[in-house]
Amino acid sequence: MDDSGAILCQISSLKDMLDQVNEEIEASIQVTREIESEIVKCSEAESALSIRESELAKMVYMLDFEISGLISVTADSRTSANHLEEDLCCLRMKCDEIVKRVINMRDGFTTSCLDFQRNIDKGQNDVLRDLLLEKEFLENELHLLSKKNNTLQNSMLAFVEEILEDLHGCLSDPGLWHSKQQFVTGSCRSFDRNPKPHRKPRRSLFSSDFFDSNQIEPK
């Protein structure tokens, strides 16, 4: 009995130890699973970091390329700035020369104007006086020609209006047209029977003495 009790006690203690070992194994398995999940997470993070690293490396290469381009552009800009400064200096020198020339020309023009005014005051402008007199004479002639032209135009307009009125009256009154036609025919026949008298030469409407003698005023 004592042996069986001892065996049972030993079995129960072994069972307790086995349960404890199983619990430890389960705890180890749980820890292992957690470690595996952490490993998976670390692998994913590592892959993401690798992708990020490649992107950053690409950005570094691009930035290096841009920096190289900016350095070359900066060098070219400095060279262009130096050339522009030289051109600006040349332009300033030319501007100063032009200003000096303008001042000299202005002084010369002022002197010439003063000399011209002195010559006018002294009566040495005969050519200018002759030109002014000729201009005044031509303006008077132009005024007279314009007046004669207006007179001729008014006379022609009055003559045309009179003819149009006669035609309108003849067309509106056939009897008057017939009587005027007979009158003109009889006048032509009597003119053919009578000897032709000596006629004086007619003056042209466009001659100047026609307007001077008749003194036709515009209507």
C-alpha atoms as a PDB file:
ATOM      1  CA  MET A   1       0.000   0.000   0.000  1.00  0.00           C
ATOM      2  CA  ASP A   2       2.787   2.310   0.826  1.00  0.00           C
ATOM      3  CA  ASP A   3       4.442   1.567  -2.498  1.00  0.00           C
ATOM      4  CA  SER A   4       1.276   2.175  -4.498  1.00  0.00           C
ATOM      5  CA  GLY A   5       0.653   5.417  -2.647  1.00  0.00           C
ATOM      6  CA  ALA A   6       4.180   6.518  -3.340  1.00  0.00           C
ATOM      7  CA  ILE A   7       3.768   5.570  -6.974  1.00  0.00           C
ATOM      8  CA  LEU A   8       0.507   7.496  -7.161  1.00  0.00           C
ATOM      9  CA  CYS A   9       2.136  10.462  -5.533  1.00  0.00           C
ATOM     10  CA  GLN A  10       5.017  10.196  -7.942  1.00  0.00           C
ATOM     11  CA  ILE A  11       2.599   9.843 -10.884  1.00  0.00           C
ATOM     12  CA  SER A  12       0.624  12.879  -9.758  1.00  0.00           C
ATOM     13  CA  SER A  13       3.816  14.851  -9.355  1.00  0.00           C
ATOM     14  CA  LEU A  14       4.957  13.724 -12.787  1.00  0.00           C
ATOM     15  CA  LYS A  15       1.557  14.680 -14.174  1.00  0.00           C
ATOM     16  CA  ASP A  16       1.874  18.073 -12.597  1.00  0.00           C
ATOM     17  CA  MET A  17       5.330  18.397 -14.052  1.00  0.00           C
ATOM     18  CA  LEU A  18       3.990  17.263 -17.440  1.00  0.00           C
ATOM     19  CA  ASP A  19       1.186  19.827 -17.265  1.00  0.00           C
ATOM     20  CA  GLN A  20       3.704  22.464 -16.349  1.00  0.00           C
ATOM     21  CA  VAL A  21       5.910  21.404 -19.257  1.00  0.00           C
ATOM     22  CA  ASN A  22       2.898  21.484 -21.584  1.00  0.00           C
ATOM     23  CA  GLU A  23       2.041  24.946 -20.354  1.00  0.00           C
ATOM     24  CA  GLU A  24       5.616  26.030 -20.882  1.00  0.00           C
ATOM     25  CA  ILE A  25       5.572  24.448 -24.359  1.00  0.00           C
ATOM     26  CA  GLU A  26       2.319  26.252 -25.190  1.00  0.00           C
ATOM     27  CA  ALA A  27       3.800  29.478 -23.862  1.00  0.00           C
ATOM     28  CA  SER A  28       6.918  28.864 -25.951  1.00  0.00           C
ATOM     29  CA  ILE A  29       4.742  28.152 -28.994  1.00  0.00           C
ATOM     30  CA  GLN A  30       2.818  31.376 -28.363  1.00  0.00           C
ATOM     31  CA  VAL A  31       6.062  33.285 -28.013  1.00  0.00           C
ATOM     32  CA  THR A  32       7.347  31.611 -31.169  1.00  0.00           C
ATOM     33  CA  ARG A  33       4.208  32.653 -33.037  1.00  0.00           C
ATOM     34  CA  GLU A  34       4.576  36.189 -31.774  1.00  0.00           C
ATOM     35  CA  ILE A  35       8.228  36.151 -32.797  1.00  0.00           C
ATOM     36  CA  GLU A  36       7.275  34.833 -36.246  1.00  0.00           C
ATOM     37  CA  SER A  37       4.643  37.561 -36.618  1.00  0.00           C
ATOM     38  CA  GLU A  38       7.205  40.119 -35.532  1.00  0.00           C
ATOM     39  CA  ILE A  39       9.659  38.615 -38.036  1.00  0.00           C
ATOM     40  CA  VAL A  40       7.022  38.920 -40.775  1.00  0.00           C
ATOM     41  CA  LYS A  41       6.368  42.498 -39.757  1.00  0.00           C
ATOM     42  CA  CYS A  42      10.088  43.187 -39.739  1.00  0.00           C
ATOM     43  CA  SER A  43      10.407  41.609 -43.194  1.00  0.00           C
ATOM     44  CA  GLU A  44       7.595  43.775 -44.510  1.00  0.00           C
ATOM     45  CA  ALA A  45       9.149  46.834 -42.902  1.00  0.00           C
ATOM     46  CA  GLU A  46      12.511  45.857 -44.352  1.00  0.00           C
ATOM     47  CA  SER A  47      11.026  45.505 -47.854  1.00  0.00           C
ATOM     48  CA  ALA A  48       9.239  48.858 -47.465  1.00  0.00           C
ATOM     49  CA  LEU A  49      12.473  50.414 -46.255  1.00  0.00           C
ATOM     50  CA  SER A  50      14.315  48.872 -49.208  1.00  0.00           C
ATOM     51  CA  ILE A  51      11.780  50.401 -51.599  1.00  0.00           C
ATOM     52  CA  ARG A  52      12.083  53.720 -49.799  1.00  0.00           C
ATOM     53  CA  GLU A  53      15.860  53.441 -49.942  1.00  0.00           C
ATOM     54  CA  SER A  54      15.744  52.855 -53.703  1.00  0.00           C
ATOM     55  CA  GLU A  55      13.410  55.838 -54.122  1.00  0.00           C
ATOM     56  CA  LEU A  56      15.698  58.004 -52.004  1.00  0.00           C
ATOM     57  CA  ALA A  57      18.709  56.838 -54.001  1.00  0.00           C
ATOM     58  CA  LYS A  58      16.870  57.749 -57.201  1.00  0.00           C
ATOM     59  CA  MET A  59      16.008  61.159 -55.758  1.00  0.00           C
ATOM     60  CA  VAL A  60      19.656  61.607 -54.747  1.00  0.00           C
ATOM     61  CA  TYR A  61      20.787  60.855 -58.305  1.00  0.00           C
ATOM     62  CA  MET A  62      18.192  63.266 -59.710  1.00  0.00           C
ATOM     63  CA  LEU A  63      19.180  65.967 -57.230  1.00  0.00           C
ATOM     64  CA  ASP A  64      22.833  65.450 -58.099  1.00  0.00           C
ATOM     65  CA  PHE A  65      21.964  65.843 -61.790  1.00  0.00           C
ATOM     66  CA  GLU A  66      19.923  68.980 -61.091  1.00  0.00           C
ATOM     67  CA  ILE A  67      22.686  70.406 -58.924  1.00  0.00           C
ATOM     68  CA  SER A  68      25.203  69.771 -61.701  1.00  0.00           C
ATOM     69  CA  GLY A  69      22.892  71.524 -64.179  1.00  0.00           C
ATOM     70  CA  LEU A  70      22.365  74.434 -61.794  1.00  0.00           C
ATOM     71  CA  ILE A  71      26.104  74.737 -61.288  1.00  0.00           C
ATOM     72  CA  SER A  72      26.657  74.914 -65.057  1.00  0.00           C
ATOM     73  CA  VAL A  73      23.780  77.392 -65.435  1.00  0.00           C
ATOM     74  CA  THR A  74      25.214  79.494 -62.619  1.00  0.00           C
ATOM     75  CA  ALA A  75      28.584  79.566 -64.339  1.00  0.00           C
ATOM     76  CA  ASP A  76      26.966  80.569 -67.640  1.00  0.00           C
ATOM     77  CA  SER A  77      24.899  83.216 -65.844  1.00  0.00           C
ATOM     78  CA  ARG A  78      27.990  84.676 -64.248  1.00  0.00           C
ATOM     79  CA  THR A  79      29.716  84.790 -67.625  1.00  0.00           C
ATOM     80  CA  SER A  80      26.658  86.443 -69.186  1.00  0.00           C
ATOM     81  CA  ALA A  81      26.481  88.915 -66.290  1.00  0.00           C
ATOM     82  CA  ASN A  82      30.107  89.861 -66.861  1.00  0.00           C
ATOM     83  CA  HIS A  83      29.477  90.372 -70.583  1.00  0.00           C
ATOM     84  CA  LEU A  84      26.385  92.434 -69.799  1.00  0.00           C
ATOM     85  CA  GLU A  85      28.353  94.600 -67.405  1.00  0.00           C
ATOM     86  CA  GLU A  86      30.954  95.200 -70.104  1.00  0.00           C
ATOM     87  CA  ASP A  87      28.233  96.037 -72.647  1.00  0.00           C
ATOM     88  CA  LEU A  88      26.579  98.331 -70.109  1.00  0.00           C
ATOM     89  CA  CYS A  89      29.837 100.171 -69.561  1.00  0.00           C
ATOM     90  CA  CYS A  90      30.248 100.583 -73.328  1.00  0.00           C
ATOM     91  CA  LEU A  91      26.674 101.844 -73.649  1.00  0.00           C
ATOM     92  CA  ARG A  92      27.213 104.316 -70.828  1.00  0.00           C
ATOM     93  CA  MET A  93      30.314 105.630 -72.563  1.00  0.00           C
ATOM     94  CA  LYS A  94      28.413 105.936 -75.855  1.00  0.00           C
ATOM     95  CA  CYS A  95      25.531 107.640 -74.061  1.00  0.00           C
ATOM     96  CA  ASP A  96      27.929 110.161 -72.543  1.00  0.00           C
ATOM     97  CA  GLU A  97      29.427 110.806 -75.973  1.00  0.00           C
ATOM     98  CA  ILE A  98      25.968 111.245 -77.512  1.00  0.00           C
ATOM     99  CA  VAL A  99      24.968 113.642 -74.730  1.00  0.00           C
ATOM    100  CA  LYS A 100      28.107 115.674 -75.353  1.00  0.00           C
ATOM    101  CA  ARG A 101      27.422 115.737 -79.100  1.00  0.00           C
ATOM    102  CA  VAL A 102      23.808 116.780 -78.502  1.00  0.00           C
ATOM    103  CA  ILE A 103      24.947 119.565 -76.194  1.00  0.00           C
ATOM    104  CA  ASN A 104      27.460 120.752 -78.787  1.00  0.00           C
ATOM    105  CA  MET A 105      24.851 120.584 -81.560  1.00  0.00           C
ATOM    106  CA  ARG A 106      22.353 122.448 -79.380  1.00  0.00           C
ATOM    107  CA  ASP A 107      24.897 125.145 -78.672  1.00  0.00           C
ATOM    108  CA  GLY A 108      25.687 125.375 -82.379  1.00  0.00           C
ATOM    109  CA  PHE A 109      21.992 125.539 -83.261  1.00  0.00           C
ATOM    110  CA  THR A 110      21.440 128.247 -80.653  1.00  0.00           C
ATOM    111  CA  THR A 111      24.336 130.214 -82.081  1.00  0.00           C
ATOM    112  CA  SER A 112      22.968 129.780 -85.616  1.00  0.00           C
ATOM    113  CA  CYS A 113      19.525 130.950 -84.499  1.00  0.00           C
ATOM    114  CA  LEU A 114      21.009 134.002 -82.847  1.00  0.00           C
ATOM    115  CA  ASP A 115      23.038 134.763 -85.978  1.00  0.00           C
ATOM    116  CA  PHE A 116      19.943 134.297 -88.138  1.00  0.00           C
ATOM    117  CA  GLN A 117      17.972 136.645 -85.904  1.00  0.00           C
ATOM    118  CA  ARG A 118      20.750 139.212 -86.109  1.00  0.00           C
ATOM    119  CA  ASN A 119      20.771 138.910 -89.900  1.00  0.00           C
ATOM    120  CA  ILE A 120      17.008 139.443 -89.978  1.00  0.00           C
ATOM    121  CA  ASP A 121      17.363 142.495 -87.763  1.00  0.00           C
ATOM    122  CA  LYS A 122      20.100 143.848 -90.041  1.00  0.00           C
ATOM    123  CA  GLY A 123      17.998 143.427 -93.191  1.00  0.00           C
ATOM    124  CA  GLN A 124      20.021 140.602 -94.748  1.00  0.00           C
ATOM    125  CA  ASN A 125      16.996 138.401 -95.462  1.00  0.00           C
ATOM    126  CA  ASP A 126      16.213 139.586 -99.002  1.00  0.00           C
ATOM    127  CA  VAL A 127      15.705 136.048-100.252  1.00  0.00           C
ATOM    128  CA  LEU A 128      13.195 135.323 -97.513  1.00  0.00           C
ATOM    129  CA  ARG A 129      11.381 138.593 -98.202  1.00  0.00           C
ATOM    130  CA  ASP A 130      11.186 137.768-101.928  1.00  0.00           C
ATOM    131  CA  LEU A 131       9.829 134.328-101.137  1.00  0.00           C
ATOM    132  CA  LEU A 132       7.190 135.793 -98.831  1.00  0.00           C
ATOM    133  CA  LEU A 133       6.154 138.313-101.490  1.00  0.00           C
ATOM    134  CA  GLU A 134       5.960 135.584-104.111  1.00  0.00           C
ATOM    135  CA  LYS A 135       3.889 133.462-101.740  1.00  0.00           C
ATOM    136  CA  GLU A 136       1.479 136.347-101.145  1.00  0.00           C
ATOM    137  CA  PHE A 137       1.199 136.977-104.902  1.00  0.00           C
ATOM    138  CA  LEU A 138       0.483 133.290-105.582  1.00  0.00           C
ATOM    139  CA  GLU A 139      -2.126 133.211-102.822  1.00  0.00           C
ATOM    140  CA  ASN A 140      -3.874 136.223-104.381  1.00  0.00           C
ATOM    141  CA  GLU A 141      -3.795 134.579-107.820  1.00  0.00           C
ATOM    142  CA  LEU A 142      -5.191 131.390-106.327  1.00  0.00           C
ATOM    143  CA  HIS A 143      -7.981 133.356-104.651  1.00  0.00           C
ATOM    144  CA  LEU A 144      -8.884 135.074-107.945  1.00  0.00           C
ATOM    145  CA  LEU A 145      -8.860 131.774-109.835  1.00  0.00           C
ATOM    146  CA  SER A 146     -11.055 130.177-107.184  1.00  0.00           C
ATOM    147  CA  LYS A 147     -13.490 133.096-107.429  1.00  0.00           C
ATOM    148  CA  LYS A 148     -13.631 132.840-111.238  1.00  0.00           C
ATOM    149  CA  ASN A 149     -14.080 129.079-111.024  1.00  0.00           C
ATOM    150  CA  ASN A 150     -16.973 129.467-108.580  1.00  0.00           C
ATOM    151  CA  THR A 151     -18.559 132.098-110.847  1.00  0.00           C
ATOM    152  CA  LEU A 152     -18.274 129.820-113.871  1.00  0.00           C
ATOM    153  CA  GLN A 153     -19.713 126.877-111.961  1.00  0.00           C
ATOM    154  CA  ASN A 154     -22.672 128.948-110.750  1.00  0.00           C
ATOM    155  CA  SER A 155     -23.326 130.226-114.294  1.00  0.00           C
ATOM    156  CA  MET A 156     -23.200 126.719-115.717  1.00  0.00           C
ATOM    157  CA  LEU A 157     -25.518 125.442-112.990  1.00  0.00           C
ATOM    158  CA  ALA A 158     -28.014 128.243-113.689  1.00  0.00           C
ATOM    159  CA  PHE A 159     -27.838 127.516-117.438  1.00  0.00           C
ATOM    160  CA  VAL A 160     -28.389 123.788-116.873  1.00  0.00           C
ATOM    161  CA  GLU A 161     -31.292 124.476-114.511  1.00  0.00           C
ATOM    162  CA  GLU A 162     -32.908 126.748-117.106  1.00  0.00           C
ATOM    163  CA  ILE A 163     -32.537 124.086-119.816  1.00  0.00           C
ATOM    164  CA  LEU A 164     -33.985 121.441-117.515  1.00  0.00           C
ATOM    165  CA  GLU A 165     -36.955 123.685-116.696  1.00  0.00           C
ATOM    166  CA  ASP A 166     -37.607 124.270-120.417  1.00  0.00           C
ATOM    167  CA  LEU A 167     -37.409 120.551-121.137  1.00  0.00           C
ATOM    168  CA  HIS A 168     -39.721 119.773-118.253  1.00  0.00           C
ATOM    169  CA  GLY A 169     -42.223 122.388-119.469  1.00  0.00           C
ATOM    170  CA  CYS A 170     -42.076 121.085-123.053  1.00  0.00           C
ATOM    171  CA  LEU A 171     -42.582 117.502-121.960  1.00  0.00           C
ATOM    172  CA  SER A 172     -45.533 118.443-119.764  1.00  0.00           C
ATOM    173  CA  ASP A 173     -47.176 120.564-122.552  1.00  0.00           C
ATOM    174  CA  PRO A 174     -46.992 118.909-126.038  1.00  0.00           C
ATOM    175  CA  GLY A 175     -48.601 121.973-127.698  1.00  0.00           C
ATOM    176  CA  LEU A 176     -45.884 124.218-126.340  1.00  0.00           C
ATOM    177  CA  TRP A 177     -43.278 121.736-127.581  1.00  0.00           C
ATOM    178  CA  HIS A 178     -44.860 121.754-131.085  1.00  0.00           C
ATOM    179  CA  SER A 179     -45.020 125.562-131.187  1.00  0.00           C
ATOM    180  CA  LYS A 180     -41.381 125.862-130.103  1.00  0.00           C
ATOM    181  CA  GLN A 181     -40.387 123.326-132.728  1.00  0.00           C
ATOM    182  CA  GLN A 182     -42.220 125.323-135.471  1.00  0.00           C
ATOM    183  CA  PHE A 183     -40.626 128.518-134.189  1.00  0.00           C
ATOM    184  CA  VAL A 184     -37.172 126.999-134.350  1.00  0.00           C
ATOM    185  CA  THR A 185     -37.846 125.589-137.854  1.00  0.00           C
ATOM    186  CA  GLY A 186     -39.099 128.967-139.148  1.00  0.00           C
ATOM    187  CA  SER A 187     -36.149 130.740-137.617  1.00  0.00           C
ATOM    188  CA  CYS A 188     -33.759 128.344-139.308  1.00  0.00           C
ATOM    189  CA  ARG A 189     -35.457 128.869-142.709  1.00  0.00           C
ATOM    190  CA  SER A 190     -35.407 132.656-142.410  1.00  0.00           C
ATOM    191  CA  PHE A 191     -31.795 132.452-141.343  1.00  0.00           C
ATOM    192  CA  ASP A 192     -31.003 130.424-144.477  1.00  0.00           C
ATOM    193  CA  ARG A 193     -32.736 133.004-146.763  1.00  0.00           C
ATOM    194  CA  ASN A 194     -31.020 136.068-145.259  1.00  0.00           C
ATOM    195  CA  PRO A 195     -27.334 136.722-145.943  1.00  0.00           C
ATOM    196  CA  LYS A 196     -25.041 135.962-143.073  1.00  0.00           C
ATOM    197  CA  PRO A 197     -23.731 139.114-141.405  1.00  0.00           C
ATOM    198  CA  HIS A 198     -20.166 139.521-140.395  1.00  0.00           C
ATOM    199  CA  ARG A 199     -19.746 138.075-136.890  1.00  0.00           C
ATOM    200  CA  LYS A 200     -17.367 139.223-134.301  1.00  0.00           C
ATOM    201  CA  PRO A 201     -15.114 136.558-132.794  1.00  0.00           C
ATOM    202  CA  ARG A 202     -16.639 135.101-129.668  1.00  0.00           C
ATOM    203  CA  ARG A 203     -14.700 135.308-126.469  1.00  0.00           C
ATOM    204  CA  SER A 204     -14.006 132.107-124.631  1.00  0.00           C
ATOM    205  CA  LEU A 205     -15.829 131.480-121.379  1.00  0.00           C
ATOM    206  CA  PHE A 206     -12.535 130.466-119.857  1.00  0.00           C
ATOM    207  CA  SER A 207     -10.640 133.670-120.710  1.00  0.00           C
ATOM    208  CA  SER A 208      -9.891 136.135-117.950  1.00  0.00           C
ATOM    209  CA  ASP A 209     -11.198 139.203-119.889  1.00  0.00           C
ATOM    210  CA  PHE A 210     -14.650 137.549-120.119  1.00  0.00           C
ATOM    211  CA  PHE A 211     -15.024 137.712-116.346  1.00  0.00           C
ATOM    212  CA  ASP A 212     -13.405 141.143-116.124  1.00  0.00           C
ATOM    213  CA  SER A 213     -15.778 142.664-118.729  1.00  0.00           C
ATOM    214  CA  ASN A 214     -19.017 140.946-117.699  1.00  0.00           C
ATOM    215  CA  GLN A 215     -18.441 140.951-113.945  1.00  0.00           C
ATOM    216  CA  ILE A 216     -20.619 137.858-113.387  1.00  0.00           C
ATOM    217  CA  GLU A 217     -21.479 137.500-109.763  1.00  0.00           C
ATOM    218  CA  PRO A 218     -22.307 134.088-108.251  1.00  0.00           C
ATOM    219  CA  LYS A 219     -25.934 133.434-107.309  1.00  0.00           C
END
